Amino acid sequence: MKFGVFDHLDRGQVSIHDHFENRLKLAEIYDRAGFYAYHIAEHHGTPLGMASSPSVFLAAVAQRTQKLRFGPLVYTLSLTHPIRIIEEVCMLDQMSGGRLELGIGRGSSPYEMGYFGVNAENSGKLYIESFDIVMMGLKERLINFEGEHFHFKNVPIELECIQKPTPPIWYGMSQAHAVPWAAQNNVNIVCNGPAAPVKAITDRYKEVWEENNGSNPSSAPPKMGLGRHIVIAETYDKAYALGKKGFDKWYQSLQHLWRVNGNPMTRYSIPEDYDMAVKGGMVLVGTANQVQEQLHKEIELSGVNYILTRFAFGDLSLQESQFSLESFAAEIMPAFEEQLELV
């Protein structure tokens, strides 16, 4: 079991300058504490995400950390020219000494995509073509491509990644029918929402992966991740109250563009009702021992091998997020390592 971090970089109450600096301070702690990777979201025109240019923020993360891997989860490929994505990916991988984790996706918000002139009709084709071009550009020195949206003939690629043939690829997943492509191509996946439905995805992933890699016993399966908000405090009641403060503000940002446009989301993998989210295991709150018990249950129910923790969200202060993070690193991560040694 490995642990990473997912961060929307959603707005709290501090200035944007302090917001970025606080997240970089937390990244330094993730690095020292031995987290595997720090994953950030890309959003536009919404308080849900301040890292609208993920590469800019990740360049700072590269300089403030030594071992921590990091990357976008995801680059919204339908909104950015694929040549620019190729070049930024190569730069980040080189600047970090080969620590980039590359998340890719189409984009989920019609309002954010609409700001760029992209709609549901063309976003899928843009995404597919962009993905093919990005993969080509990371593996080859010339791009030749003929598609509906992009046409390249002998376009030179001067940059390259340290990691070959590409940095590890990540993809968000909510339905088991999308599993075969990811498993066949060794793509890491991330899921949200209740743990029980995720089990269908991880079971299918393991099945397809074994079919394609079972003859190679030394090959380890890719990461199957589960995202969880986590708040730790000296007492359950304090952690619950802090979690509600952060969660309610985070969800307000999540719904912001949908509500502005008179179309609030009614189907999302995490419920808006905080008490339901806690009872459903999507927000883990309590003392370190209590959170460890809750987390063990979520892992057993979901079948994942990677947990994406969320310590900083909504109105939680740097100090409050840091307490949860340091408690988790000191008391919970070693306990899971000890369990693995006994297996």
C-alpha atoms as a PDB file:
ATOM      1  CA  MET A   1       0.000   0.000   0.000  1.00  0.00           C
ATOM      2  CA  LYS A   2       1.309   3.397  -0.998  1.00  0.00           C
ATOM      3  CA  PHE A   3      -0.014   6.813  -0.082  1.00  0.00           C
ATOM      4  CA  GLY A   4      -0.249   9.900  -2.225  1.00  0.00           C
ATOM      5  CA  VAL A   5      -1.990  13.262  -2.040  1.00  0.00           C
ATOM      6  CA  PHE A   6      -4.670  14.793  -4.243  1.00  0.00           C
ATOM      7  CA  ASP A   7      -5.191  18.542  -4.135  1.00  0.00           C
ATOM      8  CA  HIS A   8      -7.740  20.660  -6.005  1.00  0.00           C
ATOM      9  CA  LEU A   9      -5.934  23.766  -4.713  1.00  0.00           C
ATOM     10  CA  ASP A  10      -9.422  25.118  -4.029  1.00  0.00           C
ATOM     11  CA  ARG A  11      -9.748  28.572  -2.497  1.00  0.00           C
ATOM     12  CA  GLY A  12      -9.955  29.151   1.227  1.00  0.00           C
ATOM     13  CA  GLN A  13      -9.860  32.512   2.995  1.00  0.00           C
ATOM     14  CA  VAL A  14      -6.184  33.439   2.580  1.00  0.00           C
ATOM     15  CA  SER A  15      -4.721  35.499  -0.252  1.00  0.00           C
ATOM     16  CA  ILE A  16      -3.799  33.713  -3.474  1.00  0.00           C
ATOM     17  CA  HIS A  17      -0.108  34.355  -2.766  1.00  0.00           C
ATOM     18  CA  ASP A  18      -0.400  32.759   0.689  1.00  0.00           C
ATOM     19  CA  HIS A  19      -2.557  29.983  -0.742  1.00  0.00           C
ATOM     20  CA  PHE A  20       0.198  28.894  -3.132  1.00  0.00           C
ATOM     21  CA  GLU A  21       2.913  29.255  -0.490  1.00  0.00           C
ATOM     22  CA  ASN A  22       0.918  27.196   2.021  1.00  0.00           C
ATOM     23  CA  ARG A  23       0.482  24.385  -0.476  1.00  0.00           C
ATOM     24  CA  LEU A  24       4.206  24.421  -1.268  1.00  0.00           C
ATOM     25  CA  LYS A  25       4.997  24.192   2.446  1.00  0.00           C
ATOM     26  CA  LEU A  26       2.739  21.143   2.658  1.00  0.00           C
ATOM     27  CA  ALA A  27       4.470  19.657  -0.403  1.00  0.00           C
ATOM     28  CA  GLU A  28       7.773  19.892   1.461  1.00  0.00           C
ATOM     29  CA  ILE A  29       6.228  17.882   4.303  1.00  0.00           C
ATOM     30  CA  TYR A  30       4.816  15.276   1.886  1.00  0.00           C
ATOM     31  CA  ASP A  31       8.348  14.944   0.555  1.00  0.00           C
ATOM     32  CA  ARG A  32       9.957  14.475   3.973  1.00  0.00           C
ATOM     33  CA  ALA A  33       7.202  12.130   5.181  1.00  0.00           C
ATOM     34  CA  GLY A  34       7.648   9.655   2.331  1.00  0.00           C
ATOM     35  CA  PHE A  35       4.421  10.103   0.377  1.00  0.00           C
ATOM     36  CA  TYR A  36       4.646   8.581  -3.077  1.00  0.00           C
ATOM     37  CA  ALA A  37       3.209  11.432  -5.165  1.00  0.00           C
ATOM     38  CA  TYR A  38       1.398  14.764  -5.076  1.00  0.00           C
ATOM     39  CA  HIS A  39      -1.376  15.061  -7.664  1.00  0.00           C
ATOM     40  CA  ILE A  40      -3.124  18.343  -8.527  1.00  0.00           C
ATOM     41  CA  ALA A  41      -6.230  19.254 -10.534  1.00  0.00           C
ATOM     42  CA  GLU A  42      -6.662  21.624 -13.464  1.00  0.00           C
ATOM     43  CA  HIS A  43      -9.681  23.952 -13.353  1.00  0.00           C
ATOM     44  CA  HIS A  44     -10.586  27.281 -14.936  1.00  0.00           C
ATOM     45  CA  GLY A  45     -12.794  30.171 -13.840  1.00  0.00           C
ATOM     46  CA  THR A  46     -13.816  28.563 -10.572  1.00  0.00           C
ATOM     47  CA  PRO A  47     -12.676  28.657  -6.920  1.00  0.00           C
ATOM     48  CA  LEU A  48     -12.480  24.857  -7.114  1.00  0.00           C
ATOM     49  CA  GLY A  49      -8.949  25.072  -8.512  1.00  0.00           C
ATOM     50  CA  MET A  50      -6.315  27.786  -8.481  1.00  0.00           C
ATOM     51  CA  ALA A  51      -3.749  25.739 -10.449  1.00  0.00           C
ATOM     52  CA  SER A  52      -5.272  26.623 -13.818  1.00  0.00           C
ATOM     53  CA  SER A  53      -1.806  26.101 -15.325  1.00  0.00           C
ATOM     54  CA  PRO A  54      -0.678  22.926 -13.540  1.00  0.00           C
ATOM     55  CA  SER A  55       2.806  23.025 -15.065  1.00  0.00           C
ATOM     56  CA  VAL A  56       3.558  26.427 -13.520  1.00  0.00           C
ATOM     57  CA  PHE A  57       2.715  25.279 -10.008  1.00  0.00           C
ATOM     58  CA  LEU A  58       4.402  21.896 -10.458  1.00  0.00           C
ATOM     59  CA  ALA A  59       7.613  23.586 -11.567  1.00  0.00           C
ATOM     60  CA  ALA A  60       7.702  25.179  -8.112  1.00  0.00           C
ATOM     61  CA  VAL A  61       6.953  21.812  -6.486  1.00  0.00           C
ATOM     62  CA  ALA A  62       9.899  20.325  -8.397  1.00  0.00           C
ATOM     63  CA  GLN A  63      12.228  22.883  -6.850  1.00  0.00           C
ATOM     64  CA  ARG A  64      10.850  22.605  -3.302  1.00  0.00           C
ATOM     65  CA  THR A  65      11.041  18.791  -3.068  1.00  0.00           C
ATOM     66  CA  GLN A  66      13.672  16.085  -3.501  1.00  0.00           C
ATOM     67  CA  LYS A  67      12.007  12.672  -3.756  1.00  0.00           C
ATOM     68  CA  LEU A  68       8.277  13.359  -3.995  1.00  0.00           C
ATOM     69  CA  ARG A  69       6.773  12.444  -7.323  1.00  0.00           C
ATOM     70  CA  PHE A  70       4.105  14.784  -8.661  1.00  0.00           C
ATOM     71  CA  GLY A  71       1.858  15.530 -11.578  1.00  0.00           C
ATOM     72  CA  PRO A  72      -1.443  16.772 -12.925  1.00  0.00           C
ATOM     73  CA  LEU A  73      -4.545  14.723 -12.286  1.00  0.00           C
ATOM     74  CA  VAL A  74      -5.333  15.650 -14.909  1.00  0.00           C
ATOM     75  CA  TYR A  75      -4.077  17.771 -17.790  1.00  0.00           C
ATOM     76  CA  THR A  76      -7.297  18.642 -19.619  1.00  0.00           C
ATOM     77  CA  LEU A  77      -6.142  17.607 -23.083  1.00  0.00           C
ATOM     78  CA  SER A  78      -9.155  19.039 -24.896  1.00  0.00           C
ATOM     79  CA  LEU A  79      -8.198  22.566 -23.777  1.00  0.00           C
ATOM     80  CA  THR A  80      -4.456  22.687 -24.503  1.00  0.00           C
ATOM     81  CA  HIS A  81      -2.496  22.246 -27.716  1.00  0.00           C
ATOM     82  CA  PRO A  82      -0.795  18.825 -27.630  1.00  0.00           C
ATOM     83  CA  ILE A  83       2.602  20.186 -28.682  1.00  0.00           C
ATOM     84  CA  ARG A  84       2.619  22.466 -25.644  1.00  0.00           C
ATOM     85  CA  ILE A  85       1.648  19.543 -23.399  1.00  0.00           C
ATOM     86  CA  ILE A  86       4.521  17.457 -24.789  1.00  0.00           C
ATOM     87  CA  GLU A  87       7.038  20.216 -24.160  1.00  0.00           C
ATOM     88  CA  GLU A  88       5.792  20.992 -20.644  1.00  0.00           C
ATOM     89  CA  VAL A  89       5.770  17.307 -19.686  1.00  0.00           C
ATOM     90  CA  CYS A  90       9.355  16.916 -20.874  1.00  0.00           C
ATOM     91  CA  MET A  91      10.485  20.056 -19.068  1.00  0.00           C
ATOM     92  CA  LEU A  92       8.904  18.994 -15.766  1.00  0.00           C
ATOM     93  CA  ASP A  93      10.329  15.484 -15.980  1.00  0.00           C
ATOM     94  CA  GLN A  94      13.806  16.857 -16.664  1.00  0.00           C
ATOM     95  CA  MET A  95      13.593  19.594 -14.006  1.00  0.00           C
ATOM     96  CA  SER A  96      12.563  17.060 -11.363  1.00  0.00           C
ATOM     97  CA  GLY A  97      15.060  14.354 -12.280  1.00  0.00           C
ATOM     98  CA  GLY A  98      12.350  12.032 -13.599  1.00  0.00           C
ATOM     99  CA  ARG A  99       9.631  12.436 -10.953  1.00  0.00           C
ATOM    100  CA  LEU A 100       6.623  13.329 -13.112  1.00  0.00           C
ATOM    101  CA  GLU A 101       3.361  11.364 -12.983  1.00  0.00           C
ATOM    102  CA  LEU A 102       1.226  12.209 -16.029  1.00  0.00           C
ATOM    103  CA  GLY A 103      -2.538  12.360 -15.554  1.00  0.00           C
ATOM    104  CA  ILE A 104      -4.659  12.847 -18.664  1.00  0.00           C
ATOM    105  CA  GLY A 105      -8.360  13.490 -19.192  1.00  0.00           C
ATOM    106  CA  ARG A 106     -11.015  15.075 -21.357  1.00  0.00           C
ATOM    107  CA  GLY A 107     -12.482  17.486 -18.818  1.00  0.00           C
ATOM    108  CA  SER A 108     -15.732  17.156 -16.873  1.00  0.00           C
ATOM    109  CA  SER A 109     -17.144  20.680 -16.635  1.00  0.00           C
ATOM    110  CA  PRO A 110     -19.061  21.907 -19.714  1.00  0.00           C
ATOM    111  CA  TYR A 111     -18.788  25.468 -18.413  1.00  0.00           C
ATOM    112  CA  GLU A 112     -15.000  25.427 -18.100  1.00  0.00           C
ATOM    113  CA  MET A 113     -14.632  23.834 -21.535  1.00  0.00           C
ATOM    114  CA  GLY A 114     -17.085  26.330 -22.967  1.00  0.00           C
ATOM    115  CA  TYR A 115     -14.804  29.230 -21.987  1.00  0.00           C
ATOM    116  CA  PHE A 116     -12.302  27.770 -24.475  1.00  0.00           C
ATOM    117  CA  GLY A 117     -14.847  27.218 -27.225  1.00  0.00           C
ATOM    118  CA  VAL A 118     -14.964  23.475 -26.612  1.00  0.00           C
ATOM    119  CA  ASN A 119     -18.262  21.628 -26.242  1.00  0.00           C
ATOM    120  CA  ALA A 120     -19.427  18.085 -25.624  1.00  0.00           C
ATOM    121  CA  GLU A 121     -19.608  17.390 -29.356  1.00  0.00           C
ATOM    122  CA  ASN A 122     -15.944  18.089 -30.076  1.00  0.00           C
ATOM    123  CA  SER A 123     -14.270  17.510 -26.705  1.00  0.00           C
ATOM    124  CA  GLY A 124     -14.133  13.740 -27.145  1.00  0.00           C
ATOM    125  CA  LYS A 125     -12.442  13.878 -30.538  1.00  0.00           C
ATOM    126  CA  LEU A 126     -10.063  16.597 -29.345  1.00  0.00           C
ATOM    127  CA  TYR A 127      -9.123  14.468 -26.351  1.00  0.00           C
ATOM    128  CA  ILE A 128      -8.499  11.296 -28.366  1.00  0.00           C
ATOM    129  CA  GLU A 129      -6.408  13.075 -30.987  1.00  0.00           C
ATOM    130  CA  SER A 130      -4.462  15.034 -28.379  1.00  0.00           C
ATOM    131  CA  PHE A 131      -3.704  11.896 -26.378  1.00  0.00           C
ATOM    132  CA  ASP A 132      -2.394  10.080 -29.465  1.00  0.00           C
ATOM    133  CA  ILE A 133      -0.209  13.067 -30.373  1.00  0.00           C
ATOM    134  CA  VAL A 134       1.162  13.484 -26.851  1.00  0.00           C
ATOM    135  CA  MET A 135       2.091   9.799 -26.636  1.00  0.00           C
ATOM    136  CA  MET A 136       3.741  10.014 -30.067  1.00  0.00           C
ATOM    137  CA  GLY A 137       5.684  13.136 -29.114  1.00  0.00           C
ATOM    138  CA  LEU A 138       6.979  11.575 -25.888  1.00  0.00           C
ATOM    139  CA  LYS A 139       8.264   8.498 -27.724  1.00  0.00           C
ATOM    140  CA  GLU A 140       9.459   9.857 -31.064  1.00  0.00           C
ATOM    141  CA  ARG A 141      11.469  12.817 -32.377  1.00  0.00           C
ATOM    142  CA  LEU A 142       9.099  13.690 -35.235  1.00  0.00           C
ATOM    143  CA  ILE A 143       5.316  13.979 -35.221  1.00  0.00           C
ATOM    144  CA  ASN A 144       3.327  13.040 -38.297  1.00  0.00           C
ATOM    145  CA  PHE A 145      -0.404  13.035 -37.694  1.00  0.00           C
ATOM    146  CA  GLU A 146      -3.577  13.516 -39.729  1.00  0.00           C
ATOM    147  CA  GLY A 147      -6.802  13.955 -37.807  1.00  0.00           C
ATOM    148  CA  GLU A 148      -9.984  15.955 -37.812  1.00  0.00           C
ATOM    149  CA  HIS A 149      -8.597  18.684 -35.553  1.00  0.00           C
ATOM    150  CA  PHE A 150      -4.809  18.358 -35.836  1.00  0.00           C
ATOM    151  CA  HIS A 151      -2.514  18.003 -38.841  1.00  0.00           C
ATOM    152  CA  PHE A 152       1.254  17.653 -38.346  1.00  0.00           C
ATOM    153  CA  LYS A 153       3.955  16.822 -40.846  1.00  0.00           C
ATOM    154  CA  ASN A 154       7.511  16.265 -39.640  1.00  0.00           C
ATOM    155  CA  VAL A 155       7.098  18.457 -36.553  1.00  0.00           C
ATOM    156  CA  PRO A 156      10.394  18.164 -34.598  1.00  0.00           C
ATOM    157  CA  ILE A 157      10.448  17.385 -30.872  1.00  0.00           C
ATOM    158  CA  GLU A 158      13.687  18.596 -29.310  1.00  0.00           C
ATOM    159  CA  LEU A 159      12.775  17.912 -25.683  1.00  0.00           C
ATOM    160  CA  GLU A 160      12.506  14.466 -24.138  1.00  0.00           C
ATOM    161  CA  CYS A 161      11.642  12.906 -20.799  1.00  0.00           C
ATOM    162  CA  ILE A 162      14.053  11.146 -18.490  1.00  0.00           C
ATOM    163  CA  GLN A 163      11.455   8.410 -17.946  1.00  0.00           C
ATOM    164  CA  LYS A 164      11.115   6.082 -20.937  1.00  0.00           C
ATOM    165  CA  PRO A 165       9.032   5.512 -22.915  1.00  0.00           C
ATOM    166  CA  THR A 166       6.817   7.960 -20.991  1.00  0.00           C
ATOM    167  CA  PRO A 167       6.209   9.026 -17.404  1.00  0.00           C
ATOM    168  CA  PRO A 168       3.602   6.864 -15.622  1.00  0.00           C
ATOM    169  CA  ILE A 169       0.109   7.577 -17.003  1.00  0.00           C
ATOM    170  CA  TRP A 170      -2.926   8.212 -14.774  1.00  0.00           C
ATOM    171  CA  TYR A 171      -6.620   8.277 -15.593  1.00  0.00           C
ATOM    172  CA  GLY A 172      -9.727   8.999 -13.511  1.00  0.00           C
ATOM    173  CA  MET A 173     -12.271   6.182 -13.636  1.00  0.00           C
ATOM    174  CA  SER A 174     -15.858   5.773 -12.460  1.00  0.00           C
ATOM    175  CA  GLN A 175     -17.161   2.836 -14.539  1.00  0.00           C
ATOM    176  CA  ALA A 176     -15.886  -0.725 -14.882  1.00  0.00           C
ATOM    177  CA  HIS A 177     -16.494  -0.750 -18.655  1.00  0.00           C
ATOM    178  CA  ALA A 178     -13.522   1.618 -19.102  1.00  0.00           C
ATOM    179  CA  VAL A 179     -11.127  -0.749 -17.320  1.00  0.00           C
ATOM    180  CA  PRO A 180      -9.765  -2.888 -20.203  1.00  0.00           C
ATOM    181  CA  TRP A 181      -7.990  -0.029 -21.992  1.00  0.00           C
ATOM    182  CA  ALA A 182      -6.314   1.100 -18.747  1.00  0.00           C
ATOM    183  CA  ALA A 183      -5.294  -2.396 -17.634  1.00  0.00           C
ATOM    184  CA  GLN A 184      -4.018  -3.402 -21.076  1.00  0.00           C
ATOM    185  CA  ASN A 185      -1.862  -0.270 -21.270  1.00  0.00           C
ATOM    186  CA  ASN A 186      -0.600  -0.306 -17.634  1.00  0.00           C
ATOM    187  CA  VAL A 187      -2.393   2.946 -16.881  1.00  0.00           C
ATOM    188  CA  ASN A 188      -2.821   3.875 -13.198  1.00  0.00           C
ATOM    189  CA  ILE A 189      -6.396   4.686 -12.212  1.00  0.00           C
ATOM    190  CA  VAL A 190      -8.070   6.831  -9.562  1.00  0.00           C
ATOM    191  CA  CYS A 191     -11.602   6.498  -8.202  1.00  0.00           C
ATOM    192  CA  ASN A 192     -13.779   8.573  -5.874  1.00  0.00           C
ATOM    193  CA  GLY A 193     -17.042   7.906  -4.128  1.00  0.00           C
ATOM    194  CA  PRO A 194     -18.194   4.950  -2.004  1.00  0.00           C
ATOM    195  CA  ALA A 195     -15.765   2.077  -1.637  1.00  0.00           C
ATOM    196  CA  ALA A 196     -18.113  -0.798  -2.485  1.00  0.00           C
ATOM    197  CA  PRO A 197     -18.789   0.188  -6.143  1.00  0.00           C
ATOM    198  CA  VAL A 198     -15.055   0.780  -6.630  1.00  0.00           C
ATOM    199  CA  LYS A 199     -14.511  -2.930  -5.915  1.00  0.00           C
ATOM    200  CA  ALA A 200     -16.114  -3.799  -9.257  1.00  0.00           C
ATOM    201  CA  ILE A 201     -13.530  -1.591 -10.975  1.00  0.00           C
ATOM    202  CA  THR A 202     -10.512  -2.941  -9.103  1.00  0.00           C
ATOM    203  CA  ASP A 203     -11.658  -6.554  -9.514  1.00  0.00           C
ATOM    204  CA  ARG A 204     -12.056  -6.054 -13.253  1.00  0.00           C
ATOM    205  CA  TYR A 205      -8.723  -4.264 -13.468  1.00  0.00           C
ATOM    206  CA  LYS A 206      -6.881  -7.098 -11.713  1.00  0.00           C
ATOM    207  CA  GLU A 207      -8.602  -9.659 -13.956  1.00  0.00           C
ATOM    208  CA  VAL A 208      -7.661  -7.898 -17.212  1.00  0.00           C
ATOM    209  CA  TRP A 209      -4.157  -7.107 -16.000  1.00  0.00           C
ATOM    210  CA  GLU A 210      -3.534 -10.740 -15.047  1.00  0.00           C
ATOM    211  CA  GLU A 211      -4.732 -11.861 -18.478  1.00  0.00           C
ATOM    212  CA  ASN A 212      -2.132  -9.602 -20.081  1.00  0.00           C
ATOM    213  CA  ASN A 213       0.734  -9.910 -17.577  1.00  0.00           C
ATOM    214  CA  GLY A 214       0.224 -13.182 -15.709  1.00  0.00           C
ATOM    215  CA  SER A 215       3.179 -14.821 -17.435  1.00  0.00           C
ATOM    216  CA  ASN A 216       5.540 -12.227 -15.967  1.00  0.00           C
ATOM    217  CA  PRO A 217       5.631 -12.849 -12.176  1.00  0.00           C
ATOM    218  CA  SER A 218       8.094  -9.987 -11.599  1.00  0.00           C
ATOM    219  CA  SER A 219       5.710  -7.417 -13.051  1.00  0.00           C
ATOM    220  CA  ALA A 220       3.734  -5.465 -10.437  1.00  0.00           C
ATOM    221  CA  PRO A 221       0.236  -4.173 -11.277  1.00  0.00           C
ATOM    222  CA  PRO A 222      -0.232  -0.414 -11.691  1.00  0.00           C
ATOM    223  CA  LYS A 223      -1.774   1.697  -8.960  1.00  0.00           C
ATOM    224  CA  MET A 224      -5.494   1.581  -8.347  1.00  0.00           C
ATOM    225  CA  GLY A 225      -6.219   4.655  -6.271  1.00  0.00           C
ATOM    226  CA  LEU A 226      -9.034   5.823  -3.994  1.00  0.00           C
ATOM    227  CA  GLY A 227      -9.409   9.463  -2.946  1.00  0.00           C
ATOM    228  CA  ARG A 228     -10.351  10.315   0.643  1.00  0.00           C
ATOM    229  CA  HIS A 229     -10.658  13.588   2.593  1.00  0.00           C
ATOM    230  CA  ILE A 230      -8.929  13.155   5.954  1.00  0.00           C
ATOM    231  CA  VAL A 231      -9.047  15.271   9.117  1.00  0.00           C
ATOM    232  CA  ILE A 232      -7.262  14.221  12.300  1.00  0.00           C
ATOM    233  CA  ALA A 233      -7.502  15.986  15.668  1.00  0.00           C
ATOM    234  CA  GLU A 234      -7.086  15.247  19.367  1.00  0.00           C
ATOM    235  CA  THR A 235     -10.739  14.168  19.625  1.00  0.00           C
ATOM    236  CA  TYR A 236     -13.362  12.860  17.242  1.00  0.00           C
ATOM    237  CA  ASP A 237     -15.658  15.829  17.877  1.00  0.00           C
ATOM    238  CA  LYS A 238     -12.937  18.337  17.036  1.00  0.00           C
ATOM    239  CA  ALA A 239     -11.968  16.475  13.869  1.00  0.00           C
ATOM    240  CA  TYR A 240     -15.629  16.224  12.833  1.00  0.00           C
ATOM    241  CA  ALA A 241     -16.151  19.965  13.277  1.00  0.00           C
ATOM    242  CA  LEU A 242     -12.979  20.858  11.384  1.00  0.00           C
ATOM    243  CA  GLY A 243     -13.898  18.459   8.623  1.00  0.00           C
ATOM    244  CA  LYS A 244     -17.318  20.049   8.219  1.00  0.00           C
ATOM    245  CA  LYS A 245     -15.779  23.499   7.957  1.00  0.00           C
ATOM    246  CA  GLY A 246     -13.413  22.394   5.222  1.00  0.00           C
ATOM    247  CA  PHE A 247     -15.815  20.069   3.420  1.00  0.00           C
ATOM    248  CA  ASP A 248     -18.711  22.529   3.181  1.00  0.00           C
ATOM    249  CA  LYS A 249     -16.468  25.219   1.680  1.00  0.00           C
ATOM    250  CA  TRP A 250     -14.871  22.720  -0.718  1.00  0.00           C
ATOM    251  CA  TYR A 251     -18.270  21.501  -1.896  1.00  0.00           C
ATOM    252  CA  GLN A 252     -19.434  25.080  -2.372  1.00  0.00           C
ATOM    253  CA  SER A 253     -16.479  25.581  -4.728  1.00  0.00           C
ATOM    254  CA  LEU A 254     -17.192  22.251  -6.438  1.00  0.00           C
ATOM    255  CA  GLN A 255     -20.752  23.374  -7.199  1.00  0.00           C
ATOM    256  CA  HIS A 256     -19.901  27.014  -7.967  1.00  0.00           C
ATOM    257  CA  LEU A 257     -20.067  27.100 -11.771  1.00  0.00           C
ATOM    258  CA  TRP A 258     -22.973  24.687 -11.888  1.00  0.00           C
ATOM    259  CA  ARG A 259     -25.038  26.853  -9.542  1.00  0.00           C
ATOM    260  CA  VAL A 260     -24.048  30.106 -11.256  1.00  0.00           C
ATOM    261  CA  ASN A 261     -25.445  28.573 -14.438  1.00  0.00           C
ATOM    262  CA  GLY A 262     -28.621  27.412 -12.709  1.00  0.00           C
ATOM    263  CA  ASN A 263     -27.782  23.735 -13.026  1.00  0.00           C
ATOM    264  CA  PRO A 264     -26.498  22.367  -9.700  1.00  0.00           C
ATOM    265  CA  MET A 265     -25.008  18.884  -9.839  1.00  0.00           C
ATOM    266  CA  THR A 266     -27.321  16.222  -8.475  1.00  0.00           C
ATOM    267  CA  ARG A 267     -25.137  13.220  -9.352  1.00  0.00           C
ATOM    268  CA  TYR A 268     -21.620  13.274  -7.996  1.00  0.00           C
ATOM    269  CA  SER A 269     -19.609  10.469  -6.485  1.00  0.00           C
ATOM    270  CA  ILE A 270     -19.336  12.295  -3.140  1.00  0.00           C
ATOM    271  CA  PRO A 271     -22.591  13.514  -1.513  1.00  0.00           C
ATOM    272  CA  GLU A 272     -22.964  17.166  -0.549  1.00  0.00           C
ATOM    273  CA  ASP A 273     -24.348  16.261   2.858  1.00  0.00           C
ATOM    274  CA  TYR A 274     -21.321  16.154   5.142  1.00  0.00           C
ATOM    275  CA  ASP A 275     -22.790  13.655   7.587  1.00  0.00           C
ATOM    276  CA  MET A 276     -23.600  11.289   4.718  1.00  0.00           C
ATOM    277  CA  ALA A 277     -20.069  11.661   3.355  1.00  0.00           C
ATOM    278  CA  VAL A 278     -18.605  10.772   6.759  1.00  0.00           C
ATOM    279  CA  LYS A 279     -20.945   7.840   7.311  1.00  0.00           C
ATOM    280  CA  GLY A 280     -20.236   6.635   3.769  1.00  0.00           C
ATOM    281  CA  GLY A 281     -16.480   6.574   4.405  1.00  0.00           C
ATOM    282  CA  MET A 282     -15.637   9.295   1.882  1.00  0.00           C
ATOM    283  CA  VAL A 283     -14.499  11.700   4.601  1.00  0.00           C
ATOM    284  CA  LEU A 284     -12.388  10.130   7.346  1.00  0.00           C
ATOM    285  CA  VAL A 285     -12.356  12.052  10.623  1.00  0.00           C
ATOM    286  CA  GLY A 286     -11.255  11.397  14.192  1.00  0.00           C
ATOM    287  CA  THR A 287      -8.120  10.648  16.144  1.00  0.00           C
ATOM    288  CA  ALA A 288      -5.255   8.935  14.339  1.00  0.00           C
ATOM    289  CA  ASN A 289      -6.360   5.538  15.653  1.00  0.00           C
ATOM    290  CA  GLN A 290      -9.950   6.113  14.549  1.00  0.00           C
ATOM    291  CA  VAL A 291      -8.912   7.260  11.068  1.00  0.00           C
ATOM    292  CA  GLN A 292      -6.621   4.239  10.747  1.00  0.00           C
ATOM    293  CA  GLU A 293      -9.554   1.914  11.456  1.00  0.00           C
ATOM    294  CA  GLN A 294     -11.783   3.749   8.973  1.00  0.00           C
ATOM    295  CA  LEU A 295      -9.086   3.695   6.304  1.00  0.00           C
ATOM    296  CA  HIS A 296      -8.443  -0.016   6.736  1.00  0.00           C
ATOM    297  CA  LYS A 297     -12.141  -0.658   6.155  1.00  0.00           C
ATOM    298  CA  GLU A 298     -12.182   1.494   2.998  1.00  0.00           C
ATOM    299  CA  ILE A 299      -9.177  -0.344   1.573  1.00  0.00           C
ATOM    300  CA  GLU A 300     -10.734  -3.736   2.265  1.00  0.00           C
ATOM    301  CA  LEU A 301     -14.056  -2.724   0.708  1.00  0.00           C
ATOM    302  CA  SER A 302     -12.559  -1.118  -2.407  1.00  0.00           C
ATOM    303  CA  GLY A 303      -9.647  -3.439  -3.217  1.00  0.00           C
ATOM    304  CA  VAL A 304      -7.314  -0.528  -4.015  1.00  0.00           C
ATOM    305  CA  ASN A 305      -3.547  -0.467  -3.552  1.00  0.00           C
ATOM    306  CA  TYR A 306      -3.109   3.320  -3.416  1.00  0.00           C
ATOM    307  CA  ILE A 307      -4.777   5.978  -1.268  1.00  0.00           C
ATOM    308  CA  LEU A 308      -4.898   9.609  -2.369  1.00  0.00           C
ATOM    309  CA  THR A 309      -5.218  11.574   0.836  1.00  0.00           C
ATOM    310  CA  ARG A 310      -6.684  15.091   0.982  1.00  0.00           C
ATOM    311  CA  PHE A 311      -5.542  17.059   3.993  1.00  0.00           C
ATOM    312  CA  ALA A 312      -5.950  20.610   2.628  1.00  0.00           C
ATOM    313  CA  PHE A 313      -9.367  21.642   1.383  1.00  0.00           C
ATOM    314  CA  GLY A 314     -11.919  24.405   1.858  1.00  0.00           C
ATOM    315  CA  ASP A 315     -11.460  26.659   4.867  1.00  0.00           C
ATOM    316  CA  LEU A 316      -8.972  24.481   6.723  1.00  0.00           C
ATOM    317  CA  SER A 317      -5.967  26.524   7.820  1.00  0.00           C
ATOM    318  CA  LEU A 318      -2.384  25.568   7.075  1.00  0.00           C
ATOM    319  CA  GLN A 319      -1.933  24.580  10.714  1.00  0.00           C
ATOM    320  CA  GLU A 320      -5.058  22.402  10.747  1.00  0.00           C
ATOM    321  CA  SER A 321      -4.082  20.618   7.534  1.00  0.00           C
ATOM    322  CA  GLN A 322      -0.520  20.216   8.753  1.00  0.00           C
ATOM    323  CA  PHE A 323      -1.659  18.586  12.008  1.00  0.00           C
ATOM    324  CA  SER A 324      -3.682  15.997  10.071  1.00  0.00           C
ATOM    325  CA  LEU A 325      -0.825  15.393   7.659  1.00  0.00           C
ATOM    326  CA  GLU A 326       1.873  14.988  10.304  1.00  0.00           C
ATOM    327  CA  SER A 327      -0.336  12.782  12.483  1.00  0.00           C
ATOM    328  CA  PHE A 328      -1.111  10.580   9.481  1.00  0.00           C
ATOM    329  CA  ALA A 329       2.555  10.309   8.514  1.00  0.00           C
ATOM    330  CA  ALA A 330       3.742   9.579  12.052  1.00  0.00           C
ATOM    331  CA  GLU A 331       1.027   7.191  13.254  1.00  0.00           C
ATOM    332  CA  ILE A 332      -0.899   5.712  10.325  1.00  0.00           C
ATOM    333  CA  MET A 333       1.588   5.208   7.492  1.00  0.00           C
ATOM    334  CA  PRO A 334       4.019   3.160   9.669  1.00  0.00           C
ATOM    335  CA  ALA A 335       1.134   0.974  10.849  1.00  0.00           C
ATOM    336  CA  PHE A 336       0.266   0.019   7.274  1.00  0.00           C
ATOM    337  CA  GLU A 337       3.932  -0.660   6.526  1.00  0.00           C
ATOM    338  CA  GLU A 338       4.111  -2.986   9.525  1.00  0.00           C
ATOM    339  CA  GLN A 339       0.991  -4.835   8.352  1.00  0.00           C
ATOM    340  CA  LEU A 340       2.586  -5.408   4.950  1.00  0.00           C
ATOM    341  CA  GLU A 341       5.737  -6.818   6.562  1.00  0.00           C
ATOM    342  CA  LEU A 342       3.643  -9.356   8.478  1.00  0.00           C
ATOM    343  CA  VAL A 343       1.811 -10.585   5.383  1.00  0.00           C
END
